[in-house]
Amino acid sequence: MSRLYLLDDHAIMRDGLRAVLQAAGHVVVGEGDDATVCVAEIARLQPQVVLLDLNLAKGGTGLDVLQLLRARCLAAHVLVLTMSGEPRNVTQALALGALGYVLKGSPAVELLRAVEAVAAGRGHLGPGVSQLLVRHLARPAPEEDMLAVLSVRERQIMRLVVQGDTSAAIASRLHLSPKTVDTYRSRLMAKLGVADVVALVRMAVRAGLVDDM
């Protein structure tokens, strides 16, 4: 069975987790609610698995803990156990090295299944988490994400175009030739799949670029 460390800001939650885990034969070697203090303890105690809540009251967030563990090259595998089903939190946690992500409220059998998988170095997403990610990935990409295909110069010219500047005015402002500006404008519109300036303005408004100007 596995050696575990519990990092959660609610003592009653840690008590419940400890009872479930110990009944299944696992050993809880430490626990706490302070991100910074707990990372130091994890380095000292060398657990196989860290059960980590993302919402901590002291020393930082669960994402901060993941960054600290990675920076210190600690070997513990991390299973996130949290209330947050926000897809961005899931993807950030996985990108920072978490192997598993389970929502609080899942049955004990699901938690134990996740602990065993993560302890063995395998990834594990709770059923609710998997469904959230599938729905999130199935959504059309927001305009801001679409604008990521633009270069810094193309985005700069797009801002000036949508605020009504002519190619000559943009060329003067950016110290370019009008022909170069037209080339940039044609290229960025092709990348974004828009046929005219009106469509370009609509996309800029939805992406929040107009408010930024």
N, C-alpha and C. Protein backbone atom coordinates (compact mmCIF):
# COMPACT_ATOMS: atom_id res chain seq x y z
N MET A 1 0.83 -1.19 0.00
CA MET A 1 0.00 0.00 0.00
C MET A 1 0.88 1.26 0.00
N SER A 2 0.26 2.41 -0.15
CA SER A 2 1.01 3.64 -0.40
C SER A 2 1.17 4.51 0.83
N ARG A 3 2.23 5.30 0.82
CA ARG A 3 2.46 6.34 1.82
C ARG A 3 1.93 7.66 1.25
N LEU A 4 1.05 8.31 2.01
CA LEU A 4 0.36 9.49 1.49
C LEU A 4 0.53 10.70 2.41
N TYR A 5 0.41 11.87 1.78
CA TYR A 5 0.40 13.14 2.51
C TYR A 5 -0.87 13.88 2.11
N LEU A 6 -1.57 14.45 3.10
CA LEU A 6 -2.83 15.15 2.85
C LEU A 6 -2.64 16.65 3.00
N LEU A 7 -2.98 17.38 1.93
CA LEU A 7 -2.86 18.84 1.98
C LEU A 7 -4.22 19.43 1.65
N ASP A 8 -4.92 19.85 2.72
CA ASP A 8 -6.27 20.39 2.58
C ASP A 8 -6.49 21.37 3.72
N ASP A 9 -7.20 22.46 3.45
CA ASP A 9 -7.35 23.49 4.48
C ASP A 9 -8.49 23.22 5.46
N HIS A 10 -9.16 22.08 5.34
CA HIS A 10 -10.23 21.74 6.28
C HIS A 10 -9.83 20.49 7.07
N ALA A 11 -9.68 20.67 8.38
CA ALA A 11 -9.26 19.55 9.23
C ALA A 11 -10.26 18.40 9.18
N ILE A 12 -11.54 18.72 9.13
CA ILE A 12 -12.55 17.66 9.10
C ILE A 12 -12.46 16.85 7.81
N MET A 13 -12.08 17.50 6.72
CA MET A 13 -11.88 16.80 5.45
C MET A 13 -10.69 15.85 5.56
N ARG A 14 -9.62 16.33 6.17
CA ARG A 14 -8.43 15.48 6.34
C ARG A 14 -8.75 14.28 7.24
N ASP A 15 -9.56 14.51 8.28
CA ASP A 15 -9.94 13.41 9.17
C ASP A 15 -10.69 12.33 8.39
N GLY A 16 -11.65 12.75 7.54
CA GLY A 16 -12.41 11.80 6.75
C GLY A 16 -11.54 11.04 5.76
N LEU A 17 -10.65 11.77 5.11
CA LEU A 17 -9.75 11.14 4.14
C LEU A 17 -8.83 10.13 4.82
N ARG A 18 -8.29 10.52 5.97
CA ARG A 18 -7.39 9.63 6.69
C ARG A 18 -8.10 8.32 7.05
N ALA A 19 -9.34 8.44 7.51
CA ALA A 19 -10.08 7.24 7.90
C ALA A 19 -10.31 6.31 6.71
N VAL A 20 -10.71 6.88 5.58
CA VAL A 20 -10.96 6.08 4.39
C VAL A 20 -9.67 5.43 3.89
N LEU A 21 -8.60 6.18 3.86
CA LEU A 21 -7.34 5.69 3.32
C LEU A 21 -6.72 4.62 4.22
N GLN A 22 -6.74 4.86 5.53
CA GLN A 22 -6.16 3.89 6.45
C GLN A 22 -6.97 2.60 6.49
N ALA A 23 -8.28 2.71 6.35
CA ALA A 23 -9.12 1.51 6.31
C ALA A 23 -8.79 0.65 5.09
N ALA A 24 -8.30 1.29 4.04
CA ALA A 24 -7.93 0.55 2.82
C ALA A 24 -6.48 0.07 2.85
N GLY A 25 -5.79 0.35 3.97
CA GLY A 25 -4.43 -0.14 4.12
C GLY A 25 -3.33 0.85 3.79
N HIS A 26 -3.68 2.05 3.38
CA HIS A 26 -2.68 3.07 3.09
C HIS A 26 -2.16 3.70 4.38
N VAL A 27 -1.01 4.31 4.31
CA VAL A 27 -0.40 4.96 5.46
C VAL A 27 -0.34 6.47 5.21
N VAL A 28 -0.94 7.25 6.09
CA VAL A 28 -0.88 8.71 5.99
C VAL A 28 0.31 9.17 6.83
N VAL A 29 1.36 9.66 6.16
CA VAL A 29 2.60 10.01 6.86
C VAL A 29 2.62 11.45 7.33
N GLY A 30 1.69 12.27 6.84
CA GLY A 30 1.66 13.66 7.26
C GLY A 30 0.49 14.38 6.66
N GLU A 31 0.20 15.57 7.19
CA GLU A 31 -0.91 16.35 6.68
C GLU A 31 -0.75 17.80 7.11
N GLY A 32 -1.47 18.70 6.45
CA GLY A 32 -1.42 20.10 6.82
C GLY A 32 -2.28 20.95 5.92
N ASP A 33 -2.25 22.28 6.19
CA ASP A 33 -3.08 23.21 5.42
C ASP A 33 -2.31 24.40 4.89
N ASP A 34 -1.00 24.44 5.15
CA ASP A 34 -0.16 25.56 4.72
C ASP A 34 0.72 25.10 3.55
N ALA A 35 0.56 25.74 2.39
CA ALA A 35 1.27 25.29 1.19
C ALA A 35 2.78 25.24 1.38
N THR A 36 3.36 26.32 1.89
CA THR A 36 4.82 26.38 2.01
C THR A 36 5.35 25.39 3.03
N VAL A 37 4.71 25.33 4.19
CA VAL A 37 5.14 24.41 5.24
C VAL A 37 5.02 22.96 4.77
N CYS A 38 3.92 22.66 4.10
CA CYS A 38 3.68 21.28 3.67
C CYS A 38 4.66 20.82 2.60
N VAL A 39 5.07 21.71 1.71
CA VAL A 39 6.06 21.33 0.70
C VAL A 39 7.36 20.92 1.38
N ALA A 40 7.75 21.66 2.42
CA ALA A 40 8.96 21.30 3.17
C ALA A 40 8.79 19.94 3.85
N GLU A 41 7.61 19.67 4.40
CA GLU A 41 7.36 18.38 5.03
C GLU A 41 7.35 17.24 4.01
N ILE A 42 6.78 17.51 2.85
CA ILE A 42 6.77 16.49 1.79
C ILE A 42 8.19 16.12 1.38
N ALA A 43 9.05 17.13 1.30
CA ALA A 43 10.45 16.88 0.96
C ALA A 43 11.12 16.02 2.03
N ARG A 44 10.74 16.22 3.29
CA ARG A 44 11.35 15.46 4.38
C ARG A 44 10.76 14.06 4.50
N LEU A 45 9.44 13.93 4.35
CA LEU A 45 8.77 12.66 4.60
C LEU A 45 8.74 11.73 3.39
N GLN A 46 8.92 12.29 2.19
CA GLN A 46 8.98 11.50 0.95
C GLN A 46 7.77 10.56 0.76
N PRO A 47 6.55 11.10 0.79
CA PRO A 47 5.39 10.25 0.51
C PRO A 47 5.37 9.85 -0.97
N GLN A 48 4.65 8.79 -1.26
CA GLN A 48 4.49 8.39 -2.66
C GLN A 48 3.44 9.24 -3.36
N VAL A 49 2.39 9.59 -2.62
CA VAL A 49 1.28 10.34 -3.20
C VAL A 49 0.92 11.52 -2.29
N VAL A 50 0.67 12.65 -2.91
CA VAL A 50 0.15 13.82 -2.21
C VAL A 50 -1.28 14.05 -2.67
N LEU A 51 -2.22 14.06 -1.73
CA LEU A 51 -3.60 14.44 -2.04
C LEU A 51 -3.71 15.93 -1.81
N LEU A 52 -4.01 16.66 -2.86
CA LEU A 52 -3.89 18.11 -2.84
C LEU A 52 -5.21 18.81 -3.19
N ASP A 53 -5.63 19.70 -2.30
CA ASP A 53 -6.76 20.58 -2.60
C ASP A 53 -6.20 21.82 -3.31
N LEU A 54 -6.94 22.38 -4.25
CA LEU A 54 -6.47 23.58 -4.94
C LEU A 54 -6.72 24.85 -4.14
N ASN A 55 -7.75 24.84 -3.30
CA ASN A 55 -8.11 26.04 -2.54
C ASN A 55 -7.55 25.94 -1.13
N LEU A 56 -6.41 26.56 -0.92
CA LEU A 56 -5.75 26.53 0.38
C LEU A 56 -5.81 27.91 1.02
N ALA A 57 -5.83 27.93 2.35
CA ALA A 57 -5.96 29.21 3.06
C ALA A 57 -4.62 29.85 3.38
N LYS A 58 -3.55 29.05 3.38
CA LYS A 58 -2.25 29.58 3.83
C LYS A 58 -1.15 29.22 2.83
N GLY A 59 -0.25 30.16 2.63
CA GLY A 59 0.99 29.88 1.91
C GLY A 59 0.89 29.78 0.40
N GLY A 60 -0.31 29.90 -0.16
CA GLY A 60 -0.48 29.82 -1.60
C GLY A 60 -1.61 28.88 -1.98
N THR A 61 -1.77 28.65 -3.27
CA THR A 61 -2.81 27.77 -3.77
C THR A 61 -2.25 26.39 -4.07
N GLY A 62 -3.15 25.48 -4.40
CA GLY A 62 -2.69 24.16 -4.80
C GLY A 62 -1.82 24.20 -6.05
N LEU A 63 -2.13 25.11 -6.96
CA LEU A 63 -1.30 25.26 -8.16
C LEU A 63 0.10 25.74 -7.78
N ASP A 64 0.20 26.61 -6.76
CA ASP A 64 1.51 27.03 -6.27
C ASP A 64 2.28 25.84 -5.72
N VAL A 65 1.59 24.96 -5.02
CA VAL A 65 2.22 23.77 -4.47
C VAL A 65 2.79 22.91 -5.59
N LEU A 66 2.03 22.72 -6.65
CA LEU A 66 2.51 21.94 -7.78
C LEU A 66 3.78 22.55 -8.38
N GLN A 67 3.80 23.86 -8.49
CA GLN A 67 5.00 24.53 -9.01
C GLN A 67 6.20 24.32 -8.09
N LEU A 68 5.96 24.42 -6.78
CA LEU A 68 7.05 24.24 -5.82
C LEU A 68 7.58 22.80 -5.84
N LEU A 69 6.67 21.85 -5.92
CA LEU A 69 7.10 20.44 -5.97
C LEU A 69 7.93 20.17 -7.22
N ARG A 70 7.50 20.74 -8.34
CA ARG A 70 8.25 20.53 -9.58
C ARG A 70 9.60 21.23 -9.52
N ALA A 71 9.63 22.44 -8.94
CA ALA A 71 10.89 23.19 -8.85
C ALA A 71 11.91 22.45 -7.99
N ARG A 72 11.42 21.75 -6.98
CA ARG A 72 12.32 21.03 -6.07
C ARG A 72 12.56 19.59 -6.52
N CYS A 73 11.97 19.23 -7.67
CA CYS A 73 12.16 17.89 -8.26
C CYS A 73 11.80 16.77 -7.28
N LEU A 74 10.73 16.97 -6.52
CA LEU A 74 10.31 15.95 -5.58
C LEU A 74 9.58 14.83 -6.31
N ALA A 75 9.76 13.61 -5.81
CA ALA A 75 9.28 12.43 -6.54
C ALA A 75 7.82 12.10 -6.29
N ALA A 76 7.19 12.73 -5.31
CA ALA A 76 5.81 12.38 -4.98
C ALA A 76 4.87 12.64 -6.15
N HIS A 77 3.96 11.69 -6.39
CA HIS A 77 2.93 11.89 -7.39
C HIS A 77 1.76 12.63 -6.75
N VAL A 78 1.14 13.51 -7.50
CA VAL A 78 0.08 14.36 -6.94
C VAL A 78 -1.29 13.98 -7.50
N LEU A 79 -2.22 13.78 -6.59
CA LEU A 79 -3.63 13.58 -6.94
C LEU A 79 -4.39 14.79 -6.42
N VAL A 80 -4.93 15.58 -7.32
CA VAL A 80 -5.73 16.74 -6.92
C VAL A 80 -7.12 16.25 -6.51
N LEU A 81 -7.54 16.68 -5.31
CA LEU A 81 -8.87 16.36 -4.80
C LEU A 81 -9.51 17.67 -4.39
N THR A 82 -10.45 18.16 -5.16
CA THR A 82 -10.93 19.52 -4.98
C THR A 82 -12.39 19.66 -5.37
N MET A 83 -12.98 20.79 -4.98
CA MET A 83 -14.35 21.10 -5.39
C MET A 83 -14.40 21.69 -6.80
N SER A 84 -13.27 22.20 -7.28
CA SER A 84 -13.25 22.95 -8.53
C SER A 84 -13.30 22.05 -9.75
N GLY A 85 -14.41 22.19 -10.51
CA GLY A 85 -14.52 21.48 -11.78
C GLY A 85 -14.27 22.39 -12.95
N GLU A 86 -13.64 23.54 -12.71
CA GLU A 86 -13.32 24.48 -13.78
C GLU A 86 -12.29 23.86 -14.72
N PRO A 87 -12.62 23.71 -16.01
CA PRO A 87 -11.68 23.07 -16.94
C PRO A 87 -10.29 23.71 -16.94
N ARG A 88 -10.23 25.04 -16.76
CA ARG A 88 -8.92 25.69 -16.74
C ARG A 88 -8.07 25.19 -15.58
N ASN A 89 -8.68 24.97 -14.41
CA ASN A 89 -7.93 24.46 -13.26
C ASN A 89 -7.44 23.04 -13.53
N VAL A 90 -8.27 22.25 -14.19
CA VAL A 90 -7.87 20.87 -14.51
C VAL A 90 -6.65 20.89 -15.42
N THR A 91 -6.73 21.65 -16.50
CA THR A 91 -5.62 21.66 -17.46
C THR A 91 -4.35 22.26 -16.85
N GLN A 92 -4.50 23.29 -16.01
CA GLN A 92 -3.33 23.88 -15.36
C GLN A 92 -2.68 22.89 -14.40
N ALA A 93 -3.50 22.19 -13.62
CA ALA A 93 -2.96 21.22 -12.67
C ALA A 93 -2.21 20.11 -13.39
N LEU A 94 -2.79 19.60 -14.48
CA LEU A 94 -2.13 18.54 -15.23
C LEU A 94 -0.85 19.04 -15.88
N ALA A 95 -0.89 20.28 -16.37
CA ALA A 95 0.31 20.85 -17.00
C ALA A 95 1.44 21.03 -15.98
N LEU A 96 1.08 21.25 -14.72
CA LEU A 96 2.09 21.45 -13.67
C LEU A 96 2.54 20.14 -13.03
N GLY A 97 2.03 19.03 -13.54
CA GLY A 97 2.56 17.75 -13.10
C GLY A 97 1.63 16.84 -12.32
N ALA A 98 0.41 17.29 -12.01
CA ALA A 98 -0.52 16.40 -11.31
C ALA A 98 -0.84 15.19 -12.20
N LEU A 99 -0.90 14.02 -11.59
CA LEU A 99 -1.23 12.81 -12.35
C LEU A 99 -2.72 12.51 -12.31
N GLY A 100 -3.40 12.99 -11.28
CA GLY A 100 -4.81 12.69 -11.15
C GLY A 100 -5.61 13.90 -10.72
N TYR A 101 -6.91 13.86 -11.02
CA TYR A 101 -7.80 14.97 -10.65
C TYR A 101 -9.18 14.36 -10.36
N VAL A 102 -9.61 14.48 -9.12
CA VAL A 102 -10.89 13.93 -8.68
C VAL A 102 -11.67 15.01 -7.94
N LEU A 103 -12.95 15.06 -8.15
CA LEU A 103 -13.78 16.05 -7.49
C LEU A 103 -14.22 15.55 -6.11
N LYS A 104 -14.20 16.47 -5.14
CA LYS A 104 -14.75 16.14 -3.83
C LYS A 104 -16.23 15.82 -4.01
N GLY A 105 -16.70 14.88 -3.26
CA GLY A 105 -18.07 14.42 -3.45
C GLY A 105 -18.11 13.11 -4.21
N SER A 106 -16.96 12.72 -4.79
CA SER A 106 -16.88 11.41 -5.45
C SER A 106 -16.96 10.32 -4.38
N PRO A 107 -17.45 9.15 -4.73
CA PRO A 107 -17.52 8.06 -3.75
C PRO A 107 -16.12 7.59 -3.34
N ALA A 108 -16.04 6.98 -2.17
CA ALA A 108 -14.75 6.53 -1.64
C ALA A 108 -14.06 5.57 -2.58
N VAL A 109 -14.84 4.71 -3.25
CA VAL A 109 -14.23 3.74 -4.15
C VAL A 109 -13.51 4.43 -5.30
N GLU A 110 -14.04 5.56 -5.76
CA GLU A 110 -13.40 6.32 -6.83
C GLU A 110 -12.09 6.93 -6.35
N LEU A 111 -12.10 7.47 -5.12
CA LEU A 111 -10.89 8.04 -4.55
C LEU A 111 -9.81 6.97 -4.42
N LEU A 112 -10.16 5.79 -3.92
CA LEU A 112 -9.18 4.73 -3.74
C LEU A 112 -8.64 4.24 -5.07
N ARG A 113 -9.49 4.19 -6.08
CA ARG A 113 -9.05 3.80 -7.41
C ARG A 113 -8.05 4.82 -7.95
N ALA A 114 -8.32 6.10 -7.71
CA ALA A 114 -7.43 7.16 -8.16
C ALA A 114 -6.09 7.11 -7.43
N VAL A 115 -6.12 6.87 -6.13
CA VAL A 115 -4.88 6.78 -5.35
C VAL A 115 -4.00 5.65 -5.87
N GLU A 116 -4.60 4.50 -6.12
CA GLU A 116 -3.82 3.35 -6.60
C GLU A 116 -3.21 3.64 -7.97
N ALA A 117 -3.98 4.30 -8.84
CA ALA A 117 -3.45 4.61 -10.17
C ALA A 117 -2.30 5.60 -10.09
N VAL A 118 -2.48 6.66 -9.32
CA VAL A 118 -1.46 7.69 -9.22
C VAL A 118 -0.21 7.15 -8.53
N ALA A 119 -0.39 6.33 -7.50
CA ALA A 119 0.77 5.74 -6.82
C ALA A 119 1.61 4.90 -7.78
N ALA A 120 0.94 4.30 -8.76
CA ALA A 120 1.64 3.47 -9.76
C ALA A 120 2.18 4.30 -10.92
N GLY A 121 1.99 5.63 -10.84
CA GLY A 121 2.51 6.49 -11.89
C GLY A 121 1.60 6.62 -13.09
N ARG A 122 0.33 6.23 -12.93
CA ARG A 122 -0.62 6.34 -14.03
C ARG A 122 -1.54 7.54 -13.82
N GLY A 123 -1.98 8.13 -14.91
CA GLY A 123 -2.91 9.23 -14.83
C GLY A 123 -4.31 8.75 -14.50
N HIS A 124 -5.07 9.61 -13.83
CA HIS A 124 -6.45 9.24 -13.50
C HIS A 124 -7.31 10.49 -13.39
N LEU A 125 -8.38 10.54 -14.17
CA LEU A 125 -9.37 11.61 -14.07
C LEU A 125 -10.68 11.00 -13.61
N GLY A 126 -11.28 11.63 -12.60
CA GLY A 126 -12.59 11.18 -12.16
C GLY A 126 -13.60 11.31 -13.29
N PRO A 127 -14.66 10.50 -13.25
CA PRO A 127 -15.67 10.53 -14.33
C PRO A 127 -16.23 11.92 -14.59
N GLY A 128 -16.55 12.66 -13.52
CA GLY A 128 -17.08 14.01 -13.70
C GLY A 128 -16.08 14.93 -14.37
N VAL A 129 -14.80 14.75 -14.05
CA VAL A 129 -13.76 15.59 -14.63
C VAL A 129 -13.60 15.30 -16.12
N SER A 130 -13.62 14.04 -16.47
CA SER A 130 -13.50 13.66 -17.88
C SER A 130 -14.63 14.28 -18.71
N GLN A 131 -15.85 14.22 -18.18
CA GLN A 131 -16.98 14.78 -18.90
C GLN A 131 -16.86 16.29 -19.06
N LEU A 132 -16.37 16.96 -18.00
CA LEU A 132 -16.17 18.41 -18.08
C LEU A 132 -15.17 18.77 -19.18
N LEU A 133 -14.09 18.02 -19.25
CA LEU A 133 -13.06 18.32 -20.26
C LEU A 133 -13.58 18.05 -21.66
N VAL A 134 -14.34 16.98 -21.83
CA VAL A 134 -14.89 16.67 -23.15
C VAL A 134 -15.80 17.79 -23.62
N ARG A 135 -16.68 18.27 -22.74
CA ARG A 135 -17.59 19.37 -23.10
C ARG A 135 -16.81 20.64 -23.40
N HIS A 136 -15.76 20.88 -22.61
CA HIS A 136 -14.96 22.09 -22.80
C HIS A 136 -14.24 22.06 -24.14
N LEU A 137 -13.66 20.91 -24.49
CA LEU A 137 -12.91 20.80 -25.73
C LEU A 137 -13.83 20.82 -26.95
N ALA A 138 -15.10 20.46 -26.75
CA ALA A 138 -16.05 20.44 -27.86
C ALA A 138 -16.58 21.82 -28.20
N ARG A 139 -16.37 22.80 -27.31
CA ARG A 139 -16.85 24.16 -27.57
C ARG A 139 -16.03 24.82 -28.66
N PRO A 140 -16.65 25.71 -29.46
CA PRO A 140 -15.88 26.47 -30.44
C PRO A 140 -14.83 27.32 -29.73
N ALA A 141 -13.68 27.47 -30.34
CA ALA A 141 -12.62 28.27 -29.74
C ALA A 141 -13.04 29.73 -29.65
N PRO A 142 -12.86 30.38 -28.49
CA PRO A 142 -13.20 31.80 -28.38
C PRO A 142 -12.29 32.63 -29.26
N GLU A 143 -12.76 33.83 -29.59
CA GLU A 143 -12.01 34.68 -30.51
C GLU A 143 -10.61 34.98 -29.99
N GLU A 144 -10.48 35.17 -28.69
CA GLU A 144 -9.15 35.48 -28.16
C GLU A 144 -8.17 34.37 -28.46
N ASP A 145 -8.61 33.11 -28.37
CA ASP A 145 -7.74 31.99 -28.70
C ASP A 145 -7.40 32.00 -30.19
N MET A 146 -8.37 32.36 -31.03
CA MET A 146 -8.13 32.40 -32.47
C MET A 146 -7.09 33.46 -32.81
N LEU A 147 -7.09 34.56 -32.06
CA LEU A 147 -6.13 35.63 -32.34
C LEU A 147 -4.70 35.22 -31.99
N ALA A 148 -4.55 34.12 -31.28
CA ALA A 148 -3.21 33.67 -30.91
C ALA A 148 -2.39 33.28 -32.14
N VAL A 149 -3.05 33.04 -33.29
CA VAL A 149 -2.31 32.68 -34.50
C VAL A 149 -1.60 33.88 -35.11
N LEU A 150 -1.95 35.09 -34.65
CA LEU A 150 -1.36 36.30 -35.21
C LEU A 150 -0.01 36.60 -34.59
N SER A 151 0.87 37.18 -35.40
CA SER A 151 2.14 37.66 -34.87
C SER A 151 1.89 38.96 -34.10
N VAL A 152 2.89 39.41 -33.37
CA VAL A 152 2.76 40.66 -32.62
C VAL A 152 2.46 41.82 -33.56
N ARG A 153 3.13 41.88 -34.70
CA ARG A 153 2.92 42.96 -35.66
C ARG A 153 1.52 42.88 -36.28
N GLU A 154 1.07 41.66 -36.60
CA GLU A 154 -0.27 41.50 -37.18
C GLU A 154 -1.34 41.93 -36.20
N ARG A 155 -1.17 41.59 -34.93
CA ARG A 155 -2.15 42.00 -33.92
C ARG A 155 -2.13 43.53 -33.76
N GLN A 156 -0.95 44.10 -33.82
CA GLN A 156 -0.83 45.56 -33.71
C GLN A 156 -1.57 46.25 -34.86
N ILE A 157 -1.37 45.74 -36.06
CA ILE A 157 -2.05 46.33 -37.23
C ILE A 157 -3.55 46.09 -37.16
N MET A 158 -3.95 44.93 -36.68
CA MET A 158 -5.38 44.66 -36.54
C MET A 158 -6.04 45.69 -35.62
N ARG A 159 -5.40 46.02 -34.51
CA ARG A 159 -5.95 47.01 -33.59
C ARG A 159 -6.16 48.35 -34.30
N LEU A 160 -5.18 48.75 -35.09
CA LEU A 160 -5.27 50.04 -35.78
C LEU A 160 -6.32 50.02 -36.88
N VAL A 161 -6.44 48.89 -37.58
CA VAL A 161 -7.46 48.77 -38.63
C VAL A 161 -8.85 48.90 -38.04
N VAL A 162 -9.10 48.18 -36.93
CA VAL A 162 -10.46 48.17 -36.38
C VAL A 162 -10.83 49.50 -35.73
N GLN A 163 -9.81 50.31 -35.40
CA GLN A 163 -10.17 51.62 -34.86
C GLN A 163 -10.33 52.67 -35.98
N GLY A 164 -10.18 52.20 -37.23
CA GLY A 164 -10.52 53.05 -38.36
C GLY A 164 -9.36 53.72 -39.08
N ASP A 165 -8.13 53.40 -38.71
CA ASP A 165 -6.97 54.01 -39.37
C ASP A 165 -6.81 53.47 -40.79
N THR A 166 -6.42 54.33 -41.71
CA THR A 166 -6.15 53.92 -43.08
C THR A 166 -4.77 53.26 -43.16
N SER A 167 -4.52 52.59 -44.27
CA SER A 167 -3.20 51.97 -44.46
C SER A 167 -2.10 53.01 -44.42
N ALA A 168 -2.37 54.20 -45.01
CA ALA A 168 -1.36 55.27 -45.02
C ALA A 168 -1.07 55.75 -43.60
N ALA A 169 -2.13 55.89 -42.79
CA ALA A 169 -1.96 56.35 -41.41
C ALA A 169 -1.21 55.32 -40.58
N ILE A 170 -1.55 54.05 -40.79
CA ILE A 170 -0.87 52.99 -40.07
C ILE A 170 0.61 52.93 -40.47
N ALA A 171 0.85 53.07 -41.77
CA ALA A 171 2.23 53.04 -42.27
C ALA A 171 3.06 54.14 -41.64
N SER A 172 2.49 55.32 -41.56
CA SER A 172 3.20 56.45 -40.97
C SER A 172 3.47 56.22 -39.48
N ARG A 173 2.50 55.68 -38.80
CA ARG A 173 2.63 55.46 -37.36
C ARG A 173 3.65 54.38 -37.03
N LEU A 174 3.70 53.33 -37.86
CA LEU A 174 4.59 52.21 -37.58
C LEU A 174 5.88 52.25 -38.39
N HIS A 175 6.05 53.31 -39.16
CA HIS A 175 7.26 53.47 -39.99
C HIS A 175 7.40 52.33 -40.99
N LEU A 176 6.29 52.03 -41.65
CA LEU A 176 6.26 51.01 -42.69
C LEU A 176 5.74 51.65 -43.97
N SER A 177 5.83 50.92 -45.08
CA SER A 177 5.23 51.41 -46.32
C SER A 177 3.76 50.99 -46.34
N PRO A 178 2.89 51.76 -47.01
CA PRO A 178 1.48 51.36 -47.12
C PRO A 178 1.32 49.98 -47.72
N LYS A 179 2.18 49.63 -48.68
CA LYS A 179 2.10 48.31 -49.31
C LYS A 179 2.36 47.20 -48.28
N THR A 180 3.33 47.43 -47.38
CA THR A 180 3.63 46.45 -46.34
C THR A 180 2.46 46.30 -45.39
N VAL A 181 1.82 47.41 -45.06
CA VAL A 181 0.65 47.37 -44.18
C VAL A 181 -0.47 46.56 -44.84
N ASP A 182 -0.70 46.79 -46.13
CA ASP A 182 -1.74 46.04 -46.84
C ASP A 182 -1.43 44.54 -46.85
N THR A 183 -0.15 44.23 -46.98
CA THR A 183 0.24 42.82 -46.96
C THR A 183 -0.06 42.19 -45.61
N TYR A 184 0.31 42.91 -44.54
CA TYR A 184 0.02 42.42 -43.19
C TYR A 184 -1.49 42.24 -42.99
N ARG A 185 -2.27 43.22 -43.46
CA ARG A 185 -3.71 43.17 -43.26
C ARG A 185 -4.32 41.98 -44.00
N SER A 186 -3.88 41.75 -45.24
CA SER A 186 -4.39 40.62 -46.01
C SER A 186 -4.02 39.30 -45.34
N ARG A 187 -2.80 39.25 -44.83
CA ARG A 187 -2.32 38.02 -44.21
C ARG A 187 -3.11 37.70 -42.93
N LEU A 188 -3.32 38.72 -42.09
CA LEU A 188 -4.00 38.47 -40.83
C LEU A 188 -5.48 38.11 -41.05
N MET A 189 -6.09 38.74 -42.08
CA MET A 189 -7.48 38.41 -42.36
C MET A 189 -7.61 36.99 -42.90
N ALA A 190 -6.62 36.56 -43.67
CA ALA A 190 -6.62 35.19 -44.18
C ALA A 190 -6.45 34.19 -43.02
N LYS A 191 -5.57 34.51 -42.08
CA LYS A 191 -5.36 33.64 -40.93
C LYS A 191 -6.63 33.49 -40.10
N LEU A 192 -7.38 34.58 -39.97
CA LEU A 192 -8.58 34.59 -39.14
C LEU A 192 -9.82 34.14 -39.90
N GLY A 193 -9.70 34.00 -41.22
CA GLY A 193 -10.82 33.55 -42.01
C GLY A 193 -11.93 34.56 -42.16
N VAL A 194 -11.57 35.86 -42.19
CA VAL A 194 -12.58 36.91 -42.38
C VAL A 194 -12.36 37.56 -43.74
N ALA A 195 -13.47 38.02 -44.34
CA ALA A 195 -13.39 38.52 -45.72
C ALA A 195 -13.36 40.03 -45.82
N ASP A 196 -13.76 40.73 -44.75
CA ASP A 196 -13.80 42.18 -44.83
C ASP A 196 -13.55 42.81 -43.47
N VAL A 197 -13.40 44.13 -43.47
CA VAL A 197 -13.07 44.83 -42.24
C VAL A 197 -14.21 44.77 -41.23
N VAL A 198 -15.46 44.73 -41.71
CA VAL A 198 -16.60 44.65 -40.80
C VAL A 198 -16.52 43.37 -39.96
N ALA A 199 -16.23 42.24 -40.61
CA ALA A 199 -16.10 40.98 -39.90
C ALA A 199 -14.91 41.01 -38.95
N LEU A 200 -13.86 41.70 -39.36
CA LEU A 200 -12.68 41.83 -38.52
C LEU A 200 -13.01 42.62 -37.26
N VAL A 201 -13.78 43.69 -37.42
CA VAL A 201 -14.18 44.51 -36.27
C VAL A 201 -15.03 43.70 -35.30
N ARG A 202 -15.97 42.91 -35.84
CA ARG A 202 -16.82 42.09 -34.99
C ARG A 202 -15.99 41.11 -34.16
N MET A 203 -15.01 40.49 -34.81
CA MET A 203 -14.14 39.55 -34.10
C MET A 203 -13.35 40.26 -33.01
N ALA A 204 -12.86 41.46 -33.32
CA ALA A 204 -12.08 42.22 -32.35
C ALA A 204 -12.91 42.60 -31.15
N VAL A 205 -14.17 42.96 -31.38
CA VAL A 205 -15.07 43.32 -30.28
C VAL A 205 -15.30 42.11 -29.38
N ARG A 206 -15.59 40.94 -29.98
CA ARG A 206 -15.84 39.74 -29.19
C ARG A 206 -14.60 39.30 -28.40
N ALA A 207 -13.43 39.56 -28.97
CA ALA A 207 -12.18 39.18 -28.29
C ALA A 207 -11.75 40.20 -27.26
N GLY A 208 -12.42 41.35 -27.22
CA GLY A 208 -12.07 42.37 -26.24
C GLY A 208 -10.97 43.31 -26.67
N LEU A 209 -10.56 43.24 -27.93
CA LEU A 209 -9.46 44.10 -28.38
C LEU A 209 -9.89 45.56 -28.46
N VAL A 210 -11.13 45.80 -28.82
CA VAL A 210 -11.57 47.17 -28.96
C VAL A 210 -11.56 47.89 -27.62
N ASP A 211 -11.97 47.17 -26.57
CA ASP A 211 -11.96 47.77 -25.23
C ASP A 211 -10.56 48.08 -24.76
N ASP A 212 -9.56 47.32 -25.28
CA ASP A 212 -8.18 47.52 -24.84
C ASP A 212 -7.54 48.74 -25.48
N MET A 213 -8.12 49.27 -26.56
CA MET A 213 -7.46 50.33 -27.33
C MET A 213 -7.63 51.67 -26.64
